Amino acid sequence: MSVKSILIVGVGGQGTLLSSRLLGNAMLSQGYDVKISEVHGMSQRGGSVVTYVRYGDRVSSPIIEKGEADMILSFEQLEAARYLPYLKKGGTVVTNTQKTDPMPVVTGAEEYPENLIKKIKDAGVNIIAFDALEVAEKAGSIKAVNVALIGRLAKIMDLPYEVWTDTIKSTVPEKFVDLNLKAFDLSYNL
């Protein structure tokens, strides 16, 4: 299998690192070579967080260059727009419709861009946008947004449902397994 690249983007504290572990562990369980690299930016202050996940028969580097990502998994729509140059032609963006104001918006220096999802679609990008926060709330906790996003991504990937649920069971702490399985299931079946 050729190398596949998934860029996970969000804002500090949203759970991007657990998402990358789930994705990496699912691919490892299927015998793929997996490389993950985390770039933290100003994550402690709500800044951008980017994680590269690459898998295939043989992966030499975890870094994803512009135009190389097969998919972008975005926790926030402005982050999806910001990292579009990394998406390869024909790639897919899976994004939460949630908006998290960056510091320039919070301070009033700038305004949050309008109609980002529509603008991304109008640019010819294949985008799956849904309210992962609402799904997580239905599952029982807003902290399950990350797994709700993984559920939607998993639906368009080539791994069986059971691989994902087994990975959740083996990756998240036991006391959170049921919550995360419910969030995964709800978004997988949207």
C-alpha atoms as a PDB file:
ATOM      1  CA  MET A   1       0.000   0.000   0.000  1.00  0.00           C
ATOM      2  CA  SER A   2       1.236   3.453  -0.807  1.00  0.00           C
ATOM      3  CA  VAL A   3       1.663   5.868   2.066  1.00  0.00           C
ATOM      4  CA  LYS A   4      -1.485   7.702   3.181  1.00  0.00           C
ATOM      5  CA  SER A   5      -1.293  10.988   5.069  1.00  0.00           C
ATOM      6  CA  ILE A   6      -3.815  12.488   7.481  1.00  0.00           C
ATOM      7  CA  LEU A   7      -3.372  15.944   8.964  1.00  0.00           C
ATOM      8  CA  ILE A   8      -5.191  16.512  12.271  1.00  0.00           C
ATOM      9  CA  VAL A   9      -5.692  20.183  13.090  1.00  0.00           C
ATOM     10  CA  GLY A  10      -7.308  21.966  15.981  1.00  0.00           C
ATOM     11  CA  VAL A  11      -6.834  24.267  18.904  1.00  0.00           C
ATOM     12  CA  GLY A  12      -5.000  23.383  22.105  1.00  0.00           C
ATOM     13  CA  GLY A  13      -7.072  21.359  24.551  1.00  0.00           C
ATOM     14  CA  GLN A  14      -9.497  19.883  22.013  1.00  0.00           C
ATOM     15  CA  GLY A  15      -8.173  16.324  22.069  1.00  0.00           C
ATOM     16  CA  THR A  16      -6.180  16.159  18.856  1.00  0.00           C
ATOM     17  CA  LEU A  17      -3.501  14.027  20.475  1.00  0.00           C
ATOM     18  CA  LEU A  18      -5.947  11.272  21.481  1.00  0.00           C
ATOM     19  CA  SER A  19      -7.306  11.337  17.931  1.00  0.00           C
ATOM     20  CA  SER A  20      -3.841  10.762  16.513  1.00  0.00           C
ATOM     21  CA  ARG A  21      -3.263   7.884  18.959  1.00  0.00           C
ATOM     22  CA  LEU A  22      -6.569   6.267  17.975  1.00  0.00           C
ATOM     23  CA  LEU A  23      -5.793   6.641  14.290  1.00  0.00           C
ATOM     24  CA  GLY A  24      -2.235   5.364  14.703  1.00  0.00           C
ATOM     25  CA  ASN A  25      -3.251   2.425  16.884  1.00  0.00           C
ATOM     26  CA  ALA A  26      -6.000   1.394  14.436  1.00  0.00           C
ATOM     27  CA  MET A  27      -3.488   1.365  11.576  1.00  0.00           C
ATOM     28  CA  LEU A  28      -0.854  -0.473  13.648  1.00  0.00           C
ATOM     29  CA  SER A  29      -3.415  -3.159  14.501  1.00  0.00           C
ATOM     30  CA  GLN A  30      -3.773  -3.824  10.767  1.00  0.00           C
ATOM     31  CA  GLY A  31      -0.021  -4.258  10.275  1.00  0.00           C
ATOM     32  CA  TYR A  32       0.763  -0.880   8.724  1.00  0.00           C
ATOM     33  CA  ASP A  33       3.938   1.039   9.379  1.00  0.00           C
ATOM     34  CA  VAL A  34       2.826   4.233  11.168  1.00  0.00           C
ATOM     35  CA  LYS A  35       4.604   7.501  11.857  1.00  0.00           C
ATOM     36  CA  ILE A  36       3.094  10.293  13.956  1.00  0.00           C
ATOM     37  CA  SER A  37       4.495  13.754  14.575  1.00  0.00           C
ATOM     38  CA  GLU A  38       2.951  16.422  16.788  1.00  0.00           C
ATOM     39  CA  VAL A  39       3.455  20.157  16.339  1.00  0.00           C
ATOM     40  CA  HIS A  40       2.181  22.092  19.333  1.00  0.00           C
ATOM     41  CA  GLY A  41       2.344  25.801  18.518  1.00  0.00           C
ATOM     42  CA  MET A  42       0.768  27.788  21.359  1.00  0.00           C
ATOM     43  CA  SER A  43      -1.477  24.928  22.435  1.00  0.00           C
ATOM     44  CA  GLN A  44      -1.499  26.014  26.080  1.00  0.00           C
ATOM     45  CA  ARG A  45      -3.069  29.335  25.073  1.00  0.00           C
ATOM     46  CA  GLY A  46      -5.622  28.030  22.577  1.00  0.00           C
ATOM     47  CA  GLY A  47      -3.277  28.217  19.594  1.00  0.00           C
ATOM     48  CA  SER A  48      -3.074  25.858  16.627  1.00  0.00           C
ATOM     49  CA  VAL A  49      -2.151  22.240  17.194  1.00  0.00           C
ATOM     50  CA  VAL A  50      -1.204  20.055  14.228  1.00  0.00           C
ATOM     51  CA  THR A  51      -0.555  16.324  14.179  1.00  0.00           C
ATOM     52  CA  TYR A  52       0.757  14.398  11.194  1.00  0.00           C
ATOM     53  CA  VAL A  53      -0.292  10.748  10.832  1.00  0.00           C
ATOM     54  CA  ARG A  54       1.203   8.715   7.995  1.00  0.00           C
ATOM     55  CA  TYR A  55       0.705   5.006   7.379  1.00  0.00           C
ATOM     56  CA  GLY A  56       1.396   2.411   4.703  1.00  0.00           C
ATOM     57  CA  ASP A  57       3.666  -0.520   3.942  1.00  0.00           C
ATOM     58  CA  ARG A  58       6.756   1.563   4.693  1.00  0.00           C
ATOM     59  CA  VAL A  59       6.747   5.139   5.983  1.00  0.00           C
ATOM     60  CA  SER A  60      10.080   6.938   6.041  1.00  0.00           C
ATOM     61  CA  SER A  61       8.997  10.276   7.542  1.00  0.00           C
ATOM     62  CA  PRO A  62       6.086  11.526   9.647  1.00  0.00           C
ATOM     63  CA  ILE A  63       6.087  14.988   8.058  1.00  0.00           C
ATOM     64  CA  ILE A  64       3.308  15.991   5.644  1.00  0.00           C
ATOM     65  CA  GLU A  65       4.262  18.666   3.139  1.00  0.00           C
ATOM     66  CA  LYS A  66       1.849  21.031   1.380  1.00  0.00           C
ATOM     67  CA  GLY A  67      -0.286  19.187  -1.163  1.00  0.00           C
ATOM     68  CA  GLU A  68       0.360  15.751   0.389  1.00  0.00           C
ATOM     69  CA  ALA A  69      -2.504  15.139   2.852  1.00  0.00           C
ATOM     70  CA  ASP A  70      -5.082  12.618   1.709  1.00  0.00           C
ATOM     71  CA  MET A  71      -7.369  13.846   4.479  1.00  0.00           C
ATOM     72  CA  ILE A  72      -7.590  16.668   6.974  1.00  0.00           C
ATOM     73  CA  LEU A  73      -9.410  16.028  10.236  1.00  0.00           C
ATOM     74  CA  SER A  74     -10.290  19.416  11.685  1.00  0.00           C
ATOM     75  CA  PHE A  75     -11.649  20.214  15.122  1.00  0.00           C
ATOM     76  CA  GLU A  76     -12.612  23.741  14.111  1.00  0.00           C
ATOM     77  CA  GLN A  77     -13.593  25.225  10.753  1.00  0.00           C
ATOM     78  CA  LEU A  78     -11.050  28.073  10.703  1.00  0.00           C
ATOM     79  CA  GLU A  79      -8.281  25.508  11.241  1.00  0.00           C
ATOM     80  CA  ALA A  80      -9.682  23.498   8.303  1.00  0.00           C
ATOM     81  CA  ALA A  81      -9.431  26.597   6.095  1.00  0.00           C
ATOM     82  CA  ARG A  82      -5.973  27.488   7.409  1.00  0.00           C
ATOM     83  CA  TYR A  83      -4.521  24.067   6.504  1.00  0.00           C
ATOM     84  CA  LEU A  84      -6.219  23.561   3.107  1.00  0.00           C
ATOM     85  CA  PRO A  85      -2.908  24.069   1.242  1.00  0.00           C
ATOM     86  CA  TYR A  86      -1.773  20.742   2.743  1.00  0.00           C
ATOM     87  CA  LEU A  87      -4.647  18.810   1.139  1.00  0.00           C
ATOM     88  CA  LYS A  88      -3.849  16.984  -2.075  1.00  0.00           C
ATOM     89  CA  LYS A  89      -6.112  17.348  -5.098  1.00  0.00           C
ATOM     90  CA  GLY A  90      -9.062  15.013  -4.596  1.00  0.00           C
ATOM     91  CA  GLY A  91      -8.475  14.808  -0.834  1.00  0.00           C
ATOM     92  CA  THR A  92     -11.172  15.081   1.817  1.00  0.00           C
ATOM     93  CA  VAL A  93     -11.683  17.392   4.781  1.00  0.00           C
ATOM     94  CA  VAL A  94     -13.707  16.143   7.763  1.00  0.00           C
ATOM     95  CA  THR A  95     -14.455  19.083  10.018  1.00  0.00           C
ATOM     96  CA  ASN A  96     -16.386  20.063  13.068  1.00  0.00           C
ATOM     97  CA  THR A  97     -18.637  23.054  12.373  1.00  0.00           C
ATOM     98  CA  GLN A  98     -17.689  24.481  15.763  1.00  0.00           C
ATOM     99  CA  LYS A  99     -16.053  27.920  15.856  1.00  0.00           C
ATOM    100  CA  THR A 100     -13.320  28.755  18.341  1.00  0.00           C
ATOM    101  CA  ASP A 101     -12.316  32.394  18.273  1.00  0.00           C
ATOM    102  CA  PRO A 102      -8.562  32.894  17.850  1.00  0.00           C
ATOM    103  CA  MET A 103      -6.873  35.574  19.948  1.00  0.00           C
ATOM    104  CA  PRO A 104      -7.171  38.367  17.299  1.00  0.00           C
ATOM    105  CA  VAL A 105     -10.956  37.812  17.267  1.00  0.00           C
ATOM    106  CA  VAL A 106     -11.141  37.658  21.068  1.00  0.00           C
ATOM    107  CA  THR A 107      -9.303  40.978  21.360  1.00  0.00           C
ATOM    108  CA  GLY A 108     -11.481  42.584  18.682  1.00  0.00           C
ATOM    109  CA  ALA A 109      -8.601  43.173  16.256  1.00  0.00           C
ATOM    110  CA  GLU A 110     -10.215  40.923  13.628  1.00  0.00           C
ATOM    111  CA  GLU A 111     -13.530  39.252  12.871  1.00  0.00           C
ATOM    112  CA  TYR A 112     -14.111  35.525  12.501  1.00  0.00           C
ATOM    113  CA  PRO A 113     -14.424  34.790   8.752  1.00  0.00           C
ATOM    114  CA  GLU A 114     -17.981  34.161   7.567  1.00  0.00           C
ATOM    115  CA  ASN A 115     -19.234  31.146   5.595  1.00  0.00           C
ATOM    116  CA  LEU A 116     -15.997  29.143   5.783  1.00  0.00           C
ATOM    117  CA  ILE A 117     -17.610  25.765   5.070  1.00  0.00           C
ATOM    118  CA  LYS A 118     -19.342  27.171   1.975  1.00  0.00           C
ATOM    119  CA  LYS A 119     -16.126  28.828   0.812  1.00  0.00           C
ATOM    120  CA  ILE A 120     -14.239  25.534   1.160  1.00  0.00           C
ATOM    121  CA  LYS A 121     -16.979  23.696  -0.793  1.00  0.00           C
ATOM    122  CA  ASP A 122     -17.041  26.425  -3.432  1.00  0.00           C
ATOM    123  CA  ALA A 123     -13.283  25.951  -3.884  1.00  0.00           C
ATOM    124  CA  GLY A 124     -14.032  22.402  -5.065  1.00  0.00           C
ATOM    125  CA  VAL A 125     -12.883  20.641  -1.898  1.00  0.00           C
ATOM    126  CA  ASN A 126     -14.635  17.464  -0.791  1.00  0.00           C
ATOM    127  CA  ILE A 127     -15.713  18.412   2.736  1.00  0.00           C
ATOM    128  CA  ILE A 128     -17.737  16.593   5.349  1.00  0.00           C
ATOM    129  CA  ALA A 129     -18.858  19.132   7.943  1.00  0.00           C
ATOM    130  CA  PHE A 130     -20.959  18.263  10.976  1.00  0.00           C
ATOM    131  CA  ASP A 131     -21.556  19.419  14.541  1.00  0.00           C
ATOM    132  CA  ALA A 132     -19.255  17.078  16.467  1.00  0.00           C
ATOM    133  CA  LEU A 133     -19.967  19.007  19.667  1.00  0.00           C
ATOM    134  CA  GLU A 134     -23.666  18.149  19.398  1.00  0.00           C
ATOM    135  CA  VAL A 135     -22.801  14.480  18.792  1.00  0.00           C
ATOM    136  CA  ALA A 136     -20.492  14.467  21.823  1.00  0.00           C
ATOM    137  CA  GLU A 137     -23.203  16.042  23.989  1.00  0.00           C
ATOM    138  CA  LYS A 138     -25.670  13.346  22.860  1.00  0.00           C
ATOM    139  CA  ALA A 139     -23.081  10.726  23.819  1.00  0.00           C
ATOM    140  CA  GLY A 140     -22.780  12.244  27.305  1.00  0.00           C
ATOM    141  CA  SER A 141     -19.823  14.650  27.352  1.00  0.00           C
ATOM    142  CA  ILE A 142     -18.409  17.470  25.261  1.00  0.00           C
ATOM    143  CA  LYS A 143     -14.985  15.900  25.846  1.00  0.00           C
ATOM    144  CA  ALA A 144     -15.907  13.206  23.295  1.00  0.00           C
ATOM    145  CA  VAL A 145     -15.714  15.619  20.330  1.00  0.00           C
ATOM    146  CA  ASN A 146     -12.410  14.058  19.287  1.00  0.00           C
ATOM    147  CA  VAL A 147     -13.875  10.552  19.080  1.00  0.00           C
ATOM    148  CA  ALA A 148     -16.986  11.864  17.311  1.00  0.00           C
ATOM    149  CA  LEU A 149     -14.665  13.298  14.654  1.00  0.00           C
ATOM    150  CA  ILE A 150     -12.783   9.991  14.411  1.00  0.00           C
ATOM    151  CA  GLY A 151     -16.127   8.228  13.915  1.00  0.00           C
ATOM    152  CA  ARG A 152     -16.964  10.357  10.890  1.00  0.00           C
ATOM    153  CA  LEU A 153     -13.447   9.909   9.469  1.00  0.00           C
ATOM    154  CA  ALA A 154     -13.595   6.139  10.049  1.00  0.00           C
ATOM    155  CA  LYS A 155     -16.766   5.927   7.961  1.00  0.00           C
ATOM    156  CA  ILE A 156     -14.852   6.973   4.832  1.00  0.00           C
ATOM    157  CA  MET A 157     -11.768   4.844   5.509  1.00  0.00           C
ATOM    158  CA  ASP A 158     -11.125   1.237   4.525  1.00  0.00           C
ATOM    159  CA  LEU A 159     -11.007  -0.328   7.989  1.00  0.00           C
ATOM    160  CA  PRO A 160     -13.875  -2.386   9.417  1.00  0.00           C
ATOM    161  CA  TYR A 161     -16.036  -0.871  12.155  1.00  0.00           C
ATOM    162  CA  GLU A 162     -14.777  -3.453  14.681  1.00  0.00           C
ATOM    163  CA  VAL A 163     -11.158  -2.362  14.208  1.00  0.00           C
ATOM    164  CA  TRP A 164     -12.130   1.117  15.374  1.00  0.00           C
ATOM    165  CA  THR A 165     -14.221  -0.017  18.338  1.00  0.00           C
ATOM    166  CA  ASP A 166     -11.479  -2.434  19.447  1.00  0.00           C
ATOM    167  CA  THR A 167      -8.945   0.407  19.164  1.00  0.00           C
ATOM    168  CA  ILE A 168     -11.114   2.686  21.310  1.00  0.00           C
ATOM    169  CA  LYS A 169     -11.402  -0.064  23.941  1.00  0.00           C
ATOM    170  CA  SER A 170      -7.627  -0.566  24.029  1.00  0.00           C
ATOM    171  CA  THR A 171      -6.619   3.118  23.847  1.00  0.00           C
ATOM    172  CA  VAL A 172      -8.896   5.202  26.082  1.00  0.00           C
ATOM    173  CA  PRO A 173      -9.010   4.784  29.880  1.00  0.00           C
ATOM    174  CA  GLU A 174     -11.543   2.107  30.878  1.00  0.00           C
ATOM    175  CA  LYS A 175     -13.870   4.515  32.675  1.00  0.00           C
ATOM    176  CA  PHE A 176     -14.348   6.490  29.413  1.00  0.00           C
ATOM    177  CA  VAL A 177     -14.748   3.558  27.004  1.00  0.00           C
ATOM    178  CA  ASP A 178     -18.573   3.508  26.936  1.00  0.00           C
ATOM    179  CA  LEU A 179     -18.810   7.270  26.411  1.00  0.00           C
ATOM    180  CA  ASN A 180     -16.304   7.180  23.564  1.00  0.00           C
ATOM    181  CA  LEU A 181     -17.899   4.141  21.918  1.00  0.00           C
ATOM    182  CA  LYS A 182     -21.242   5.939  21.962  1.00  0.00           C
ATOM    183  CA  ALA A 183     -19.741   9.118  20.446  1.00  0.00           C
ATOM    184  CA  PHE A 184     -17.963   7.063  17.792  1.00  0.00           C
ATOM    185  CA  ASP A 185     -21.118   5.106  16.935  1.00  0.00           C
ATOM    186  CA  LEU A 186     -23.324   8.206  16.720  1.00  0.00           C
ATOM    187  CA  SER A 187     -21.014   9.998  14.277  1.00  0.00           C
ATOM    188  CA  TYR A 188     -20.126   6.859  12.295  1.00  0.00           C
ATOM    189  CA  ASN A 189     -23.845   6.342  11.635  1.00  0.00           C
ATOM    190  CA  LEU A 190     -24.740   9.960  10.830  1.00  0.00           C
END
